[in-house]
């Protein structure tokens, strides 16, 4: 594989946040780090088990994580619910960063997205090891 999910987060961390385009790009890259990590872990199951066909792959992943939360024991279920909420939150931020160009994007948004992506990846790895 030429690129791995961690590359997206490392790239996001290296982007200068001094200009708004950097904030937008870092926010987007942080989201893709999260999505690609989730896709590596749950992509096959998400495609096979998700009865949701009218949504795109990104919405299906969030929906799958929510469903996974309800199908799992208390600890894993709670963690999956947190993953679903985090992925959805940063996806909305990415959408704003990529498509709502008339809205100002503060530096704090990218910093938050990068931090959230780091937490997401750690939590996802704990579920993967369980």
N, C-alpha and C. Protein backbone atom coordinates (compact mmCIF):
# COMPACT_ATOMS: atom_id res chain seq x y z
N UNK A 1 0.86 -1.17 0.00
CA UNK A 1 0.00 0.00 0.00
C UNK A 1 0.91 1.23 0.00
N UNK A 2 0.70 2.11 -0.94
CA UNK A 2 1.52 3.31 -1.06
C UNK A 2 1.24 4.32 0.05
N UNK A 3 0.00 4.37 0.50
CA UNK A 3 -0.39 5.29 1.56
C UNK A 3 -1.16 4.48 2.60
N UNK A 4 -0.90 4.78 3.86
CA UNK A 4 -1.62 4.12 4.95
C UNK A 4 -2.42 5.17 5.71
N UNK A 5 -3.44 4.76 6.46
CA UNK A 5 -4.28 5.74 7.16
C UNK A 5 -3.51 6.72 8.05
N UNK A 6 -2.45 6.26 8.70
CA UNK A 6 -1.67 7.16 9.56
C UNK A 6 -1.05 8.31 8.79
N UNK A 7 -0.80 8.10 7.50
CA UNK A 7 -0.20 9.16 6.69
C UNK A 7 -1.09 10.41 6.64
N UNK A 8 -2.40 10.22 6.65
CA UNK A 8 -3.32 11.36 6.61
C UNK A 8 -3.19 12.22 7.86
N UNK A 9 -3.11 11.56 9.02
CA UNK A 9 -2.99 12.33 10.25
C UNK A 9 -1.62 13.00 10.35
N UNK A 10 -0.58 12.31 9.98
CA UNK A 10 0.75 12.91 10.02
C UNK A 10 0.83 14.11 9.07
N UNK A 11 0.20 13.99 7.92
CA UNK A 11 0.17 15.11 6.98
C UNK A 11 -0.60 16.29 7.58
N UNK A 12 -1.75 15.99 8.20
CA UNK A 12 -2.55 17.04 8.83
C UNK A 12 -1.75 17.78 9.90
N UNK A 13 -1.00 17.04 10.68
CA UNK A 13 -0.19 17.65 11.74
C UNK A 13 0.89 18.56 11.18
N UNK A 14 1.36 18.27 9.97
CA UNK A 14 2.43 19.05 9.37
C UNK A 14 1.98 20.28 8.60
N UNK A 15 0.68 20.44 8.42
CA UNK A 15 0.16 21.57 7.65
C UNK A 15 0.20 22.83 8.50
N UNK A 16 0.69 23.89 7.94
CA UNK A 16 0.70 25.18 8.63
C UNK A 16 -0.74 25.67 8.79
N UNK A 17 -1.07 26.08 9.99
CA UNK A 17 -2.42 26.59 10.27
C UNK A 17 -2.46 28.10 10.30
N UNK A 18 -1.44 28.71 9.73
CA UNK A 18 -1.37 30.17 9.71
C UNK A 18 -2.35 30.79 8.71
N UNK A 19 -2.74 30.02 7.72
CA UNK A 19 -3.72 30.51 6.74
C UNK A 19 -4.95 29.62 6.78
N UNK A 20 -6.07 30.18 6.39
CA UNK A 20 -7.32 29.43 6.46
C UNK A 20 -7.31 28.20 5.57
N UNK A 21 -6.63 28.25 4.45
CA UNK A 21 -6.58 27.07 3.57
C UNK A 21 -5.88 25.92 4.29
N UNK A 22 -4.91 26.23 5.11
CA UNK A 22 -4.26 25.19 5.91
C UNK A 22 -5.19 24.59 6.94
N UNK A 23 -5.99 25.45 7.59
CA UNK A 23 -6.97 24.99 8.57
C UNK A 23 -7.96 24.04 7.90
N UNK A 24 -8.44 24.44 6.73
CA UNK A 24 -9.41 23.61 6.00
C UNK A 24 -8.79 22.28 5.58
N UNK A 25 -7.58 22.34 5.05
CA UNK A 25 -6.92 21.13 4.59
C UNK A 25 -6.61 20.19 5.75
N UNK A 26 -6.11 20.73 6.86
CA UNK A 26 -5.80 19.89 8.02
C UNK A 26 -7.06 19.24 8.59
N UNK A 27 -8.16 19.98 8.63
CA UNK A 27 -9.42 19.43 9.11
C UNK A 27 -9.85 18.25 8.23
N UNK A 28 -9.78 18.44 6.94
CA UNK A 28 -10.16 17.40 5.99
C UNK A 28 -9.27 16.16 6.11
N UNK A 29 -7.96 16.38 6.19
CA UNK A 29 -7.02 15.26 6.30
C UNK A 29 -7.22 14.50 7.60
N UNK A 30 -7.52 15.21 8.69
CA UNK A 30 -7.77 14.54 9.97
C UNK A 30 -8.99 13.62 9.85
N UNK A 31 -10.03 14.11 9.20
CA UNK A 31 -11.21 13.26 9.00
C UNK A 31 -10.86 12.01 8.19
N UNK A 32 -10.11 12.19 7.12
CA UNK A 32 -9.78 11.02 6.29
C UNK A 32 -8.88 10.04 7.02
N UNK A 33 -8.08 10.50 7.96
CA UNK A 33 -7.31 9.58 8.80
C UNK A 33 -8.28 8.70 9.59
N UNK A 34 -9.31 9.31 10.15
CA UNK A 34 -10.31 8.58 10.93
C UNK A 34 -11.08 7.60 10.05
N UNK A 35 -11.60 8.10 8.95
CA UNK A 35 -12.42 7.26 8.07
C UNK A 35 -11.61 6.07 7.55
N UNK A 36 -10.38 6.33 7.12
CA UNK A 36 -9.58 5.24 6.55
C UNK A 36 -9.18 4.21 7.61
N UNK A 37 -8.92 4.65 8.82
CA UNK A 37 -8.66 3.69 9.90
C UNK A 37 -9.90 2.83 10.14
N UNK A 38 -11.06 3.46 10.20
CA UNK A 38 -12.31 2.71 10.41
C UNK A 38 -12.58 1.78 9.25
N UNK A 39 -12.27 2.23 8.05
CA UNK A 39 -12.49 1.40 6.87
C UNK A 39 -11.59 0.17 6.86
N UNK A 40 -10.35 0.35 7.29
CA UNK A 40 -9.44 -0.81 7.39
C UNK A 40 -9.99 -1.81 8.40
N UNK A 41 -10.48 -1.31 9.53
CA UNK A 41 -10.96 -2.19 10.60
C UNK A 41 -12.34 -2.78 10.30
N UNK A 42 -13.26 -1.98 9.79
CA UNK A 42 -14.65 -2.41 9.65
C UNK A 42 -15.18 -2.40 8.22
N UNK A 43 -14.38 -2.02 7.25
CA UNK A 43 -14.87 -1.84 5.89
C UNK A 43 -15.57 -3.05 5.30
N UNK A 44 -14.96 -4.21 5.45
CA UNK A 44 -15.56 -5.43 4.88
C UNK A 44 -16.89 -5.74 5.55
N UNK A 45 -16.92 -5.68 6.89
CA UNK A 45 -18.17 -5.94 7.61
C UNK A 45 -19.21 -4.88 7.30
N UNK A 46 -18.77 -3.65 7.21
CA UNK A 46 -19.69 -2.54 6.93
C UNK A 46 -20.40 -2.76 5.61
N UNK A 47 -19.65 -3.17 4.60
CA UNK A 47 -20.25 -3.43 3.27
C UNK A 47 -21.17 -4.64 3.31
N UNK A 48 -20.75 -5.68 4.02
CA UNK A 48 -21.51 -6.93 4.03
C UNK A 48 -22.76 -6.85 4.89
N UNK A 49 -22.67 -6.20 6.03
CA UNK A 49 -23.76 -6.23 7.00
C UNK A 49 -24.68 -5.03 6.94
N UNK A 50 -24.21 -3.97 6.37
CA UNK A 50 -25.02 -2.76 6.37
C UNK A 50 -26.15 -2.88 5.35
N UNK A 51 -27.37 -2.75 5.84
CA UNK A 51 -28.51 -2.76 4.94
C UNK A 51 -28.78 -1.38 4.37
N UNK A 52 -27.91 -0.46 4.67
CA UNK A 52 -28.10 0.93 4.24
C UNK A 52 -27.47 1.08 2.87
N UNK A 53 -28.29 1.19 1.86
CA UNK A 53 -27.76 1.30 0.50
C UNK A 53 -27.98 2.68 -0.10
N UNK A 54 -28.87 3.46 0.51
CA UNK A 54 -29.17 4.77 -0.07
C UNK A 54 -28.17 5.84 0.37
N UNK A 55 -27.26 5.50 1.27
CA UNK A 55 -26.28 6.46 1.75
C UNK A 55 -24.92 6.14 1.15
N UNK A 56 -24.04 7.12 1.17
CA UNK A 56 -22.69 6.93 0.69
C UNK A 56 -21.86 6.14 1.69
N UNK A 57 -20.66 5.77 1.28
CA UNK A 57 -19.82 4.92 2.12
C UNK A 57 -19.46 5.58 3.45
N UNK A 58 -19.35 6.89 3.47
CA UNK A 58 -19.00 7.58 4.71
C UNK A 58 -20.16 7.55 5.70
N UNK A 59 -21.36 7.77 5.23
CA UNK A 59 -22.53 7.68 6.10
C UNK A 59 -22.77 6.25 6.56
N UNK A 60 -22.52 5.30 5.66
CA UNK A 60 -22.67 3.89 6.04
C UNK A 60 -21.71 3.51 7.15
N UNK A 61 -20.49 4.04 7.11
CA UNK A 61 -19.52 3.71 8.16
C UNK A 61 -20.00 4.21 9.51
N UNK A 62 -20.48 5.44 9.57
CA UNK A 62 -21.01 5.97 10.83
C UNK A 62 -22.20 5.15 11.30
N UNK A 63 -23.08 4.80 10.38
CA UNK A 63 -24.25 3.99 10.73
C UNK A 63 -23.82 2.61 11.21
N UNK A 64 -22.83 2.03 10.56
CA UNK A 64 -22.35 0.71 10.98
C UNK A 64 -21.78 0.77 12.39
N UNK A 65 -21.00 1.80 12.69
CA UNK A 65 -20.43 1.94 14.04
C UNK A 65 -21.54 2.08 15.08
N UNK A 66 -22.60 2.81 14.74
CA UNK A 66 -23.72 2.92 15.67
C UNK A 66 -24.37 1.56 15.87
N UNK A 67 -24.59 0.81 14.78
CA UNK A 67 -25.17 -0.53 14.88
C UNK A 67 -24.26 -1.46 15.67
N UNK A 68 -22.96 -1.37 15.40
CA UNK A 68 -21.97 -2.20 16.10
C UNK A 68 -22.05 -1.93 17.60
N UNK A 69 -22.29 -0.68 17.96
CA UNK A 69 -22.40 -0.31 19.37
C UNK A 69 -23.57 -1.06 20.03
N UNK A 70 -24.67 -1.20 19.32
CA UNK A 70 -25.84 -1.87 19.89
C UNK A 70 -25.70 -3.39 19.89
N UNK A 71 -24.83 -3.92 19.02
CA UNK A 71 -24.65 -5.36 18.93
C UNK A 71 -23.58 -5.87 19.89
N UNK A 72 -22.86 -4.98 20.54
CA UNK A 72 -21.70 -5.36 21.34
C UNK A 72 -21.99 -5.30 22.82
N UNK A 73 -21.06 -5.88 23.60
CA UNK A 73 -21.21 -5.80 25.05
C UNK A 73 -21.05 -4.35 25.51
N UNK A 74 -21.27 -4.11 26.78
CA UNK A 74 -21.32 -2.74 27.30
C UNK A 74 -20.09 -1.91 26.99
N UNK A 75 -18.89 -2.43 27.28
CA UNK A 75 -17.67 -1.65 27.08
C UNK A 75 -17.39 -1.39 25.61
N UNK A 76 -17.40 -2.44 24.81
CA UNK A 76 -17.14 -2.28 23.38
C UNK A 76 -18.25 -1.46 22.74
N UNK A 77 -19.47 -1.67 23.16
CA UNK A 77 -20.59 -0.91 22.62
C UNK A 77 -20.47 0.57 22.90
N UNK A 78 -20.06 0.90 24.12
CA UNK A 78 -19.88 2.31 24.48
C UNK A 78 -18.76 2.92 23.64
N UNK A 79 -17.68 2.19 23.46
CA UNK A 79 -16.55 2.69 22.66
C UNK A 79 -16.97 2.88 21.21
N UNK A 80 -17.72 1.94 20.66
CA UNK A 80 -18.18 2.06 19.27
C UNK A 80 -19.12 3.26 19.12
N UNK A 81 -19.95 3.49 20.11
CA UNK A 81 -20.84 4.66 20.07
C UNK A 81 -20.02 5.95 20.08
N UNK A 82 -18.97 5.99 20.88
CA UNK A 82 -18.09 7.16 20.90
C UNK A 82 -17.40 7.35 19.55
N UNK A 83 -16.97 6.24 18.95
CA UNK A 83 -16.35 6.32 17.62
C UNK A 83 -17.33 6.88 16.60
N UNK A 84 -18.55 6.39 16.62
CA UNK A 84 -19.57 6.85 15.66
C UNK A 84 -19.82 8.34 15.82
N UNK A 85 -19.95 8.79 17.07
CA UNK A 85 -20.20 10.20 17.33
C UNK A 85 -19.03 11.06 16.88
N UNK A 86 -17.82 10.61 17.17
CA UNK A 86 -16.62 11.36 16.80
C UNK A 86 -16.47 11.44 15.28
N UNK A 87 -16.65 10.31 14.60
CA UNK A 87 -16.53 10.28 13.15
C UNK A 87 -17.55 11.21 12.51
N UNK A 88 -18.77 11.17 12.99
CA UNK A 88 -19.82 12.03 12.45
C UNK A 88 -19.51 13.50 12.69
N UNK A 89 -19.04 13.83 13.88
CA UNK A 89 -18.72 15.23 14.21
C UNK A 89 -17.62 15.78 13.29
N UNK A 90 -16.55 15.01 13.12
CA UNK A 90 -15.45 15.49 12.31
C UNK A 90 -15.82 15.45 10.82
N UNK A 91 -16.69 14.53 10.43
CA UNK A 91 -17.17 14.52 9.04
C UNK A 91 -17.92 15.83 8.74
N UNK A 92 -18.74 16.29 9.67
CA UNK A 92 -19.45 17.55 9.48
C UNK A 92 -18.46 18.71 9.39
N UNK A 93 -17.44 18.67 10.20
CA UNK A 93 -16.42 19.72 10.14
C UNK A 93 -15.69 19.68 8.79
N UNK A 94 -15.40 18.47 8.32
CA UNK A 94 -14.74 18.32 7.02
C UNK A 94 -15.63 18.86 5.91
N UNK A 95 -16.89 18.58 5.99
CA UNK A 95 -17.83 19.05 4.98
C UNK A 95 -17.84 20.58 4.94
N UNK A 96 -17.89 21.20 6.11
CA UNK A 96 -17.83 22.66 6.17
C UNK A 96 -16.51 23.17 5.60
N UNK A 97 -15.42 22.51 5.95
CA UNK A 97 -14.10 22.94 5.48
C UNK A 97 -13.98 22.84 3.96
N UNK A 98 -14.57 21.80 3.39
CA UNK A 98 -14.43 21.56 1.95
C UNK A 98 -15.45 22.30 1.09
N UNK A 99 -16.64 22.57 1.64
CA UNK A 99 -17.72 23.08 0.79
C UNK A 99 -18.29 24.43 1.20
N UNK A 100 -18.12 24.84 2.42
CA UNK A 100 -18.69 26.11 2.88
C UNK A 100 -17.58 27.16 2.93
N UNK A 101 -17.16 27.55 1.76
CA UNK A 101 -16.01 28.43 1.64
C UNK A 101 -16.30 29.85 2.11
N UNK A 102 -17.57 30.20 2.24
CA UNK A 102 -17.92 31.54 2.71
C UNK A 102 -17.89 31.65 4.23
N UNK A 103 -17.75 30.52 4.93
CA UNK A 103 -17.68 30.52 6.39
C UNK A 103 -16.22 30.56 6.84
N UNK A 104 -15.94 31.35 7.85
CA UNK A 104 -14.59 31.41 8.40
C UNK A 104 -14.30 30.13 9.18
N UNK A 105 -13.09 29.65 9.06
CA UNK A 105 -12.69 28.44 9.76
C UNK A 105 -11.54 28.81 10.71
N UNK A 106 -11.80 28.81 12.00
CA UNK A 106 -10.74 29.17 12.94
C UNK A 106 -9.70 28.06 13.09
N UNK A 107 -8.51 28.46 13.42
CA UNK A 107 -7.39 27.54 13.64
C UNK A 107 -7.77 26.44 14.65
N UNK A 108 -8.52 26.82 15.66
CA UNK A 108 -8.92 25.89 16.70
C UNK A 108 -9.67 24.69 16.13
N UNK A 109 -10.39 24.89 15.03
CA UNK A 109 -11.13 23.78 14.43
C UNK A 109 -10.17 22.69 13.96
N UNK A 110 -9.12 23.07 13.28
CA UNK A 110 -8.15 22.08 12.79
C UNK A 110 -7.44 21.42 13.97
N UNK A 111 -7.09 22.21 14.96
CA UNK A 111 -6.42 21.64 16.14
C UNK A 111 -7.32 20.61 16.82
N UNK A 112 -8.61 20.94 16.92
CA UNK A 112 -9.56 20.01 17.51
C UNK A 112 -9.70 18.75 16.66
N UNK A 113 -9.84 18.91 15.35
CA UNK A 113 -10.00 17.76 14.45
C UNK A 113 -8.79 16.83 14.53
N UNK A 114 -7.60 17.39 14.57
CA UNK A 114 -6.38 16.59 14.66
C UNK A 114 -6.33 15.83 15.99
N UNK A 115 -6.65 16.51 17.07
CA UNK A 115 -6.66 15.86 18.38
C UNK A 115 -7.72 14.76 18.44
N UNK A 116 -8.89 15.05 17.90
CA UNK A 116 -9.99 14.08 17.89
C UNK A 116 -9.61 12.85 17.06
N UNK A 117 -8.94 13.07 15.95
CA UNK A 117 -8.50 11.95 15.11
C UNK A 117 -7.52 11.07 15.87
N UNK A 118 -6.61 11.67 16.60
CA UNK A 118 -5.67 10.89 17.40
C UNK A 118 -6.38 10.02 18.43
N UNK A 119 -7.36 10.60 19.13
CA UNK A 119 -8.13 9.84 20.13
C UNK A 119 -8.92 8.72 19.46
N UNK A 120 -9.52 9.03 18.31
CA UNK A 120 -10.31 8.06 17.57
C UNK A 120 -9.46 6.84 17.22
N UNK A 121 -8.27 7.07 16.72
CA UNK A 121 -7.39 5.99 16.28
C UNK A 121 -6.98 5.12 17.46
N UNK A 122 -6.69 5.73 18.58
CA UNK A 122 -6.33 4.96 19.79
C UNK A 122 -7.51 4.11 20.24
N UNK A 123 -8.69 4.71 20.33
CA UNK A 123 -9.88 3.97 20.75
C UNK A 123 -10.20 2.86 19.76
N UNK A 124 -10.09 3.13 18.49
CA UNK A 124 -10.36 2.11 17.48
C UNK A 124 -9.38 0.94 17.63
N UNK A 125 -8.14 1.21 17.92
CA UNK A 125 -7.16 0.13 18.08
C UNK A 125 -7.48 -0.71 19.31
N UNK A 126 -8.04 -0.11 20.33
CA UNK A 126 -8.43 -0.87 21.52
C UNK A 126 -9.60 -1.80 21.21
N UNK A 127 -10.53 -1.34 20.41
CA UNK A 127 -11.63 -2.20 19.99
C UNK A 127 -11.10 -3.32 19.09
N UNK A 128 -10.19 -2.98 18.22
CA UNK A 128 -9.63 -3.97 17.30
C UNK A 128 -8.90 -5.07 18.03
N UNK A 129 -8.28 -4.74 19.17
CA UNK A 129 -7.54 -5.73 19.94
C UNK A 129 -8.44 -6.57 20.82
N UNK A 130 -9.66 -6.09 21.07
CA UNK A 130 -10.57 -6.79 21.97
C UNK A 130 -11.11 -8.06 21.34
